[in-house]
């Protein structure tokens, strides 16, 4: 049986929700607005928004000046909100996510947060749209650092600030759907539960401590609880 974990850190895209392409299209629209072209093919699986934007500025030979980056994010967030609210992107909450979050919300011994490549405003927009925002009082985001492997310590510090108690990496479980989520967990010394609800199948996630088809597979995560 696995040791219980006190801090559960969730990725968003491909783990909790599928936006139906709303995020990708928002990034492309922002690139078109700022650079006049949608830019290079994007690999969003586990990437940070700030890393993606740095790559776009480099692709177009532009220095990532703060004003330019802020302008890009402003356009991106505008389009993201519009895409989520419209009917062209049939997004959904992924199987088992609501039941698991509701279960954890009823546990006084468990703290739940986000560990995501989304910038904070984008993460909050997605969580609001899908009705999951009330579960997450803090998180580590893609605007905190472009390197996802640097986000773990940020999440631990935010968890302590939010709860008033410290958490060790040994008490922490990262839940994600990509090899980059697994690498992030390893970099911080935490365990990783991988869900094959994104772009990777179980074989592609084999380096995680445990892999499940979806969060509906409660037998695979229940022994992380007391």
C-alpha atoms as a PDB file:
ATOM      1  CA  UNK A   1       0.000   0.000   0.000  1.00  0.00           C
ATOM      2  CA  UNK A   2       1.248   3.493  -0.805  1.00  0.00           C
ATOM      3  CA  UNK A   3       2.002   5.941   1.999  1.00  0.00           C
ATOM      4  CA  UNK A   4      -0.867   8.434   2.378  1.00  0.00           C
ATOM      5  CA  UNK A   5      -0.354  11.851   0.854  1.00  0.00           C
ATOM      6  CA  UNK A   6      -1.479  15.131   2.360  1.00  0.00           C
ATOM      7  CA  UNK A   7      -0.971  17.443  -0.638  1.00  0.00           C
ATOM      8  CA  UNK A   8      -2.551  16.616  -4.012  1.00  0.00           C
ATOM      9  CA  UNK A   9      -1.367  18.830  -6.887  1.00  0.00           C
ATOM     10  CA  UNK A  10      -3.397  18.642 -10.083  1.00  0.00           C
ATOM     11  CA  UNK A  11      -2.513  19.477 -13.649  1.00  0.00           C
ATOM     12  CA  UNK A  12      -5.428  20.948 -15.633  1.00  0.00           C
ATOM     13  CA  UNK A  13      -5.458  20.183 -19.367  1.00  0.00           C
ATOM     14  CA  UNK A  14      -5.814  16.504 -20.142  1.00  0.00           C
ATOM     15  CA  UNK A  15      -6.052  15.688 -16.438  1.00  0.00           C
ATOM     16  CA  UNK A  16      -9.098  17.536 -15.119  1.00  0.00           C
ATOM     17  CA  UNK A  17     -10.574  19.011 -18.293  1.00  0.00           C
ATOM     18  CA  UNK A  18     -10.421  18.977 -22.075  1.00  0.00           C
ATOM     19  CA  UNK A  19     -11.100  22.450 -23.508  1.00  0.00           C
ATOM     20  CA  UNK A  20     -11.808  21.052 -26.963  1.00  0.00           C
ATOM     21  CA  UNK A  21      -9.013  23.112 -28.513  1.00  0.00           C
ATOM     22  CA  UNK A  22     -10.071  26.449 -27.003  1.00  0.00           C
ATOM     23  CA  UNK A  23      -6.619  27.044 -25.517  1.00  0.00           C
ATOM     24  CA  UNK A  24      -4.666  26.183 -28.656  1.00  0.00           C
ATOM     25  CA  UNK A  25      -6.861  28.429 -30.779  1.00  0.00           C
ATOM     26  CA  UNK A  26      -6.470  31.279 -28.276  1.00  0.00           C
ATOM     27  CA  UNK A  27      -2.679  31.006 -28.475  1.00  0.00           C
ATOM     28  CA  UNK A  28      -2.776  30.988 -32.271  1.00  0.00           C
ATOM     29  CA  UNK A  29      -5.117  33.985 -32.362  1.00  0.00           C
ATOM     30  CA  UNK A  30      -2.844  35.884 -29.986  1.00  0.00           C
ATOM     31  CA  UNK A  31       0.157  35.091 -32.189  1.00  0.00           C
ATOM     32  CA  UNK A  32      -1.715  36.246 -35.278  1.00  0.00           C
ATOM     33  CA  UNK A  33      -2.670  39.481 -33.528  1.00  0.00           C
ATOM     34  CA  UNK A  34       0.820  40.183 -32.181  1.00  0.00           C
ATOM     35  CA  UNK A  35       3.051  38.802 -34.949  1.00  0.00           C
ATOM     36  CA  UNK A  36       0.836  38.614 -38.025  1.00  0.00           C
ATOM     37  CA  UNK A  37       1.082  34.826 -38.224  1.00  0.00           C
ATOM     38  CA  UNK A  38      -0.075  31.898 -36.095  1.00  0.00           C
ATOM     39  CA  UNK A  39       3.523  30.821 -35.648  1.00  0.00           C
ATOM     40  CA  UNK A  40       5.132  27.374 -35.366  1.00  0.00           C
ATOM     41  CA  UNK A  41       3.359  24.145 -34.565  1.00  0.00           C
ATOM     42  CA  UNK A  42       2.830  24.030 -30.819  1.00  0.00           C
ATOM     43  CA  UNK A  43       3.366  21.094 -28.478  1.00  0.00           C
ATOM     44  CA  UNK A  44       1.156  21.960 -25.513  1.00  0.00           C
ATOM     45  CA  UNK A  45       1.378  18.621 -23.688  1.00  0.00           C
ATOM     46  CA  UNK A  46       2.884  19.535 -20.330  1.00  0.00           C
ATOM     47  CA  UNK A  47       4.447  22.766 -21.591  1.00  0.00           C
ATOM     48  CA  UNK A  48       4.255  26.042 -19.704  1.00  0.00           C
ATOM     49  CA  UNK A  49       2.536  29.035 -21.264  1.00  0.00           C
ATOM     50  CA  UNK A  50       5.576  31.184 -20.553  1.00  0.00           C
ATOM     51  CA  UNK A  51       7.810  28.651 -22.293  1.00  0.00           C
ATOM     52  CA  UNK A  52       5.484  28.609 -25.298  1.00  0.00           C
ATOM     53  CA  UNK A  53       5.436  32.394 -25.483  1.00  0.00           C
ATOM     54  CA  UNK A  54       9.228  32.600 -25.173  1.00  0.00           C
ATOM     55  CA  UNK A  55       9.438  30.161 -28.085  1.00  0.00           C
ATOM     56  CA  UNK A  56       7.054  32.262 -30.160  1.00  0.00           C
ATOM     57  CA  UNK A  57       8.995  35.459 -29.602  1.00  0.00           C
ATOM     58  CA  UNK A  58      12.184  33.622 -30.559  1.00  0.00           C
ATOM     59  CA  UNK A  59      10.514  32.174 -33.674  1.00  0.00           C
ATOM     60  CA  UNK A  60       9.534  35.636 -34.863  1.00  0.00           C
ATOM     61  CA  UNK A  61      12.915  37.161 -33.941  1.00  0.00           C
ATOM     62  CA  UNK A  62      11.415  39.425 -31.307  1.00  0.00           C
ATOM     63  CA  UNK A  63      12.800  40.193 -27.865  1.00  0.00           C
ATOM     64  CA  UNK A  64      10.336  39.142 -25.144  1.00  0.00           C
ATOM     65  CA  UNK A  65      10.029  42.621 -23.680  1.00  0.00           C
ATOM     66  CA  UNK A  66       7.584  42.759 -20.736  1.00  0.00           C
ATOM     67  CA  UNK A  67       5.161  45.021 -22.603  1.00  0.00           C
ATOM     68  CA  UNK A  68       5.085  42.680 -25.589  1.00  0.00           C
ATOM     69  CA  UNK A  69       4.566  39.599 -23.430  1.00  0.00           C
ATOM     70  CA  UNK A  70       1.816  41.336 -21.466  1.00  0.00           C
ATOM     71  CA  UNK A  71       0.117  42.287 -24.729  1.00  0.00           C
ATOM     72  CA  UNK A  72       0.290  38.697 -25.935  1.00  0.00           C
ATOM     73  CA  UNK A  73      -1.225  37.370 -22.713  1.00  0.00           C
ATOM     74  CA  UNK A  74      -3.967  39.997 -22.760  1.00  0.00           C
ATOM     75  CA  UNK A  75      -5.024  38.917 -26.251  1.00  0.00           C
ATOM     76  CA  UNK A  76      -4.702  35.248 -25.337  1.00  0.00           C
ATOM     77  CA  UNK A  77      -6.904  35.606 -22.256  1.00  0.00           C
ATOM     78  CA  UNK A  78      -9.508  37.569 -24.191  1.00  0.00           C
ATOM     79  CA  UNK A  79      -9.719  34.862 -26.839  1.00  0.00           C
ATOM     80  CA  UNK A  80      -9.615  32.041 -24.281  1.00  0.00           C
ATOM     81  CA  UNK A  81     -12.608  33.435 -22.389  1.00  0.00           C
ATOM     82  CA  UNK A  82     -14.475  33.923 -25.661  1.00  0.00           C
ATOM     83  CA  UNK A  83     -13.653  30.433 -26.914  1.00  0.00           C
ATOM     84  CA  UNK A  84     -14.726  28.800 -23.665  1.00  0.00           C
ATOM     85  CA  UNK A  85     -17.999  30.737 -23.598  1.00  0.00           C
ATOM     86  CA  UNK A  86     -18.831  30.073 -27.259  1.00  0.00           C
ATOM     87  CA  UNK A  87     -20.126  26.863 -28.729  1.00  0.00           C
ATOM     88  CA  UNK A  88     -17.314  26.094 -31.162  1.00  0.00           C
ATOM     89  CA  UNK A  89     -15.129  24.196 -28.693  1.00  0.00           C
ATOM     90  CA  UNK A  90     -16.942  21.276 -27.035  1.00  0.00           C
ATOM     91  CA  UNK A  91     -14.902  21.016 -23.874  1.00  0.00           C
ATOM     92  CA  UNK A  92     -15.669  18.766 -20.935  1.00  0.00           C
ATOM     93  CA  UNK A  93     -14.642  17.782 -17.440  1.00  0.00           C
ATOM     94  CA  UNK A  94     -12.788  14.485 -17.699  1.00  0.00           C
ATOM     95  CA  UNK A  95     -14.181  11.271 -16.175  1.00  0.00           C
ATOM     96  CA  UNK A  96     -13.784  10.916 -12.423  1.00  0.00           C
ATOM     97  CA  UNK A  97     -12.439  14.419 -11.828  1.00  0.00           C
ATOM     98  CA  UNK A  98     -15.498  15.826 -10.065  1.00  0.00           C
ATOM     99  CA  UNK A  99     -16.008  12.769  -7.866  1.00  0.00           C
ATOM    100  CA  UNK A 100     -12.362  12.742  -6.780  1.00  0.00           C
ATOM    101  CA  UNK A 101     -12.244  16.477  -6.052  1.00  0.00           C
ATOM    102  CA  UNK A 102     -15.497  16.266  -4.091  1.00  0.00           C
ATOM    103  CA  UNK A 103     -14.104  13.366  -2.081  1.00  0.00           C
ATOM    104  CA  UNK A 104     -10.884  15.211  -1.298  1.00  0.00           C
ATOM    105  CA  UNK A 105     -12.829  18.341  -0.347  1.00  0.00           C
ATOM    106  CA  UNK A 106     -14.453  16.347   2.446  1.00  0.00           C
ATOM    107  CA  UNK A 107     -11.115  15.298   3.910  1.00  0.00           C
ATOM    108  CA  UNK A 108      -9.695  17.537   6.627  1.00  0.00           C
ATOM    109  CA  UNK A 109      -6.330  15.791   6.278  1.00  0.00           C
ATOM    110  CA  UNK A 110      -5.921  16.560   2.556  1.00  0.00           C
ATOM    111  CA  UNK A 111      -4.973  19.824   0.819  1.00  0.00           C
ATOM    112  CA  UNK A 112      -5.602  20.263  -2.898  1.00  0.00           C
ATOM    113  CA  UNK A 113      -3.845  22.676  -5.260  1.00  0.00           C
ATOM    114  CA  UNK A 114      -2.913  23.189  -8.892  1.00  0.00           C
ATOM    115  CA  UNK A 115       0.433  22.537 -10.552  1.00  0.00           C
ATOM    116  CA  UNK A 116      -0.064  23.596 -14.146  1.00  0.00           C
ATOM    117  CA  UNK A 117       1.669  25.075 -17.149  1.00  0.00           C
ATOM    118  CA  UNK A 118      -1.186  27.548 -17.579  1.00  0.00           C
ATOM    119  CA  UNK A 119      -0.616  31.120 -16.528  1.00  0.00           C
ATOM    120  CA  UNK A 120      -2.655  31.846 -13.403  1.00  0.00           C
ATOM    121  CA  UNK A 121      -5.351  33.888 -15.148  1.00  0.00           C
ATOM    122  CA  UNK A 122      -5.774  31.188 -17.792  1.00  0.00           C
ATOM    123  CA  UNK A 123      -5.966  28.450 -15.171  1.00  0.00           C
ATOM    124  CA  UNK A 124      -8.615  30.357 -13.258  1.00  0.00           C
ATOM    125  CA  UNK A 125     -10.623  31.012 -16.427  1.00  0.00           C
ATOM    126  CA  UNK A 126     -10.687  27.295 -17.240  1.00  0.00           C
ATOM    127  CA  UNK A 127     -11.553  26.243 -13.698  1.00  0.00           C
ATOM    128  CA  UNK A 128     -14.364  28.823 -13.521  1.00  0.00           C
ATOM    129  CA  UNK A 129     -15.790  27.760 -16.855  1.00  0.00           C
ATOM    130  CA  UNK A 130     -15.944  24.102 -15.854  1.00  0.00           C
ATOM    131  CA  UNK A 131     -17.180  24.794 -12.320  1.00  0.00           C
ATOM    132  CA  UNK A 132     -14.082  23.501 -10.542  1.00  0.00           C
ATOM    133  CA  UNK A 133     -12.621  26.762  -9.257  1.00  0.00           C
ATOM    134  CA  UNK A 134     -13.974  26.373  -5.709  1.00  0.00           C
ATOM    135  CA  UNK A 135     -11.665  23.396  -5.197  1.00  0.00           C
ATOM    136  CA  UNK A 136      -8.438  25.349  -5.697  1.00  0.00           C
ATOM    137  CA  UNK A 137      -7.319  28.140  -3.413  1.00  0.00           C
ATOM    138  CA  UNK A 138      -3.714  28.172  -4.620  1.00  0.00           C
ATOM    139  CA  UNK A 139      -1.392  26.770  -7.214  1.00  0.00           C
ATOM    140  CA  UNK A 140       1.896  26.995  -9.081  1.00  0.00           C
ATOM    141  CA  UNK A 141       1.503  28.272 -12.632  1.00  0.00           C
ATOM    142  CA  UNK A 142       3.261  28.635 -15.946  1.00  0.00           C
ATOM    143  CA  UNK A 143       3.787  32.343 -15.247  1.00  0.00           C
ATOM    144  CA  UNK A 144       5.906  31.467 -12.194  1.00  0.00           C
ATOM    145  CA  UNK A 145       8.635  29.922 -14.352  1.00  0.00           C
ATOM    146  CA  UNK A 146       8.994  28.746 -17.938  1.00  0.00           C
ATOM    147  CA  UNK A 147      10.625  25.489 -16.748  1.00  0.00           C
ATOM    148  CA  UNK A 148       7.912  23.205 -15.385  1.00  0.00           C
ATOM    149  CA  UNK A 149      10.466  21.377 -13.245  1.00  0.00           C
ATOM    150  CA  UNK A 150      10.919  24.578 -11.231  1.00  0.00           C
ATOM    151  CA  UNK A 151       7.246  24.779 -10.248  1.00  0.00           C
ATOM    152  CA  UNK A 152       7.242  22.109  -7.537  1.00  0.00           C
ATOM    153  CA  UNK A 153       8.929  24.220  -4.835  1.00  0.00           C
ATOM    154  CA  UNK A 154       6.602  27.098  -5.740  1.00  0.00           C
ATOM    155  CA  UNK A 155       3.605  24.833  -5.147  1.00  0.00           C
ATOM    156  CA  UNK A 156       4.959  23.711  -1.769  1.00  0.00           C
ATOM    157  CA  UNK A 157       5.523  27.311  -0.672  1.00  0.00           C
ATOM    158  CA  UNK A 158       2.050  28.347  -1.801  1.00  0.00           C
ATOM    159  CA  UNK A 159       0.497  25.373  -0.009  1.00  0.00           C
ATOM    160  CA  UNK A 160       2.204  26.440   3.215  1.00  0.00           C
ATOM    161  CA  UNK A 161       1.083  30.048   2.779  1.00  0.00           C
ATOM    162  CA  UNK A 162      -2.478  28.900   2.116  1.00  0.00           C
ATOM    163  CA  UNK A 163      -2.777  26.432   4.995  1.00  0.00           C
ATOM    164  CA  UNK A 164      -0.271  27.645   7.577  1.00  0.00           C
ATOM    165  CA  UNK A 165       1.507  24.287   7.625  1.00  0.00           C
ATOM    166  CA  UNK A 166       4.445  22.976   5.663  1.00  0.00           C
ATOM    167  CA  UNK A 167       4.361  19.970   3.343  1.00  0.00           C
ATOM    168  CA  UNK A 168       7.262  17.748   2.397  1.00  0.00           C
ATOM    169  CA  UNK A 169       7.732  16.323  -1.074  1.00  0.00           C
ATOM    170  CA  UNK A 170       7.207  12.867   0.453  1.00  0.00           C
ATOM    171  CA  UNK A 171       3.681  13.941   1.454  1.00  0.00           C
ATOM    172  CA  UNK A 172       2.899  15.199  -2.036  1.00  0.00           C
ATOM    173  CA  UNK A 173       1.247  13.578  -5.038  1.00  0.00           C
ATOM    174  CA  UNK A 174       1.339  15.158  -8.513  1.00  0.00           C
ATOM    175  CA  UNK A 175      -1.536  14.147 -10.785  1.00  0.00           C
ATOM    176  CA  UNK A 176      -0.949  14.727 -14.494  1.00  0.00           C
ATOM    177  CA  UNK A 177      -1.244  13.286 -17.982  1.00  0.00           C
ATOM    178  CA  UNK A 178       2.146  13.867 -19.628  1.00  0.00           C
ATOM    179  CA  UNK A 179       5.786  12.823 -19.198  1.00  0.00           C
ATOM    180  CA  UNK A 180       6.508  16.448 -18.248  1.00  0.00           C
ATOM    181  CA  UNK A 181       4.179  16.104 -15.261  1.00  0.00           C
ATOM    182  CA  UNK A 182       6.106  13.008 -14.247  1.00  0.00           C
ATOM    183  CA  UNK A 183       9.440  14.801 -14.650  1.00  0.00           C
ATOM    184  CA  UNK A 184       8.134  17.711 -12.570  1.00  0.00           C
ATOM    185  CA  UNK A 185       7.132  15.339  -9.776  1.00  0.00           C
ATOM    186  CA  UNK A 186      10.530  13.667  -9.901  1.00  0.00           C
ATOM    187  CA  UNK A 187      12.324  17.022  -9.819  1.00  0.00           C
ATOM    188  CA  UNK A 188      10.579  17.975  -6.573  1.00  0.00           C
ATOM    189  CA  UNK A 189      10.850  14.505  -5.040  1.00  0.00           C
ATOM    190  CA  UNK A 190       7.099  13.823  -5.071  1.00  0.00           C
ATOM    191  CA  UNK A 191       5.132  10.842  -6.284  1.00  0.00           C
ATOM    192  CA  UNK A 192       3.170  10.952  -9.515  1.00  0.00           C
ATOM    193  CA  UNK A 193      -0.180   9.489 -10.501  1.00  0.00           C
ATOM    194  CA  UNK A 194      -0.500   9.646 -14.294  1.00  0.00           C
ATOM    195  CA  UNK A 195      -3.828   9.516 -16.101  1.00  0.00           C
ATOM    196  CA  UNK A 196      -4.063   8.426 -19.731  1.00  0.00           C
ATOM    197  CA  UNK A 197      -6.797  10.931 -20.563  1.00  0.00           C
ATOM    198  CA  UNK A 198      -4.568  13.285 -22.542  1.00  0.00           C
ATOM    199  CA  UNK A 199      -2.199  12.805 -25.450  1.00  0.00           C
ATOM    200  CA  UNK A 200      -0.276   9.862 -23.960  1.00  0.00           C
ATOM    201  CA  UNK A 201      -1.289   6.255 -23.431  1.00  0.00           C
ATOM    202  CA  UNK A 202      -0.265   4.105 -20.482  1.00  0.00           C
ATOM    203  CA  UNK A 203       2.995   3.043 -22.152  1.00  0.00           C
ATOM    204  CA  UNK A 204       3.969   6.670 -22.641  1.00  0.00           C
ATOM    205  CA  UNK A 205       3.385   7.345 -18.944  1.00  0.00           C
ATOM    206  CA  UNK A 206       5.153   4.251 -17.612  1.00  0.00           C
ATOM    207  CA  UNK A 207       7.690   6.270 -15.590  1.00  0.00           C
ATOM    208  CA  UNK A 208       4.984   7.443 -13.175  1.00  0.00           C
ATOM    209  CA  UNK A 209       4.512   5.703  -9.821  1.00  0.00           C
ATOM    210  CA  UNK A 210       1.103   4.638 -11.020  1.00  0.00           C
ATOM    211  CA  UNK A 211      -0.840   4.969 -14.283  1.00  0.00           C
ATOM    212  CA  UNK A 212      -4.622   4.821 -14.637  1.00  0.00           C
ATOM    213  CA  UNK A 213      -6.985   4.997 -17.603  1.00  0.00           C
ATOM    214  CA  UNK A 214      -8.889   7.825 -15.920  1.00  0.00           C
ATOM    215  CA  UNK A 215      -9.580   9.294 -12.507  1.00  0.00           C
ATOM    216  CA  UNK A 216     -12.629   7.022 -12.341  1.00  0.00           C
ATOM    217  CA  UNK A 217     -10.234   4.199 -11.426  1.00  0.00           C
ATOM    218  CA  UNK A 218     -10.609   4.849  -7.698  1.00  0.00           C
ATOM    219  CA  UNK A 219      -8.899   1.627  -6.689  1.00  0.00           C
ATOM    220  CA  UNK A 220      -5.668   3.003  -8.136  1.00  0.00           C
ATOM    221  CA  UNK A 221      -5.617   6.216  -6.082  1.00  0.00           C
ATOM    222  CA  UNK A 222      -7.616   5.354  -2.963  1.00  0.00           C
ATOM    223  CA  UNK A 223      -4.642   3.895  -1.119  1.00  0.00           C
ATOM    224  CA  UNK A 224      -2.903   7.271  -1.284  1.00  0.00           C
ATOM    225  CA  UNK A 225      -5.458   8.232   1.390  1.00  0.00           C
ATOM    226  CA  UNK A 226      -5.463   7.076   5.002  1.00  0.00           C
END
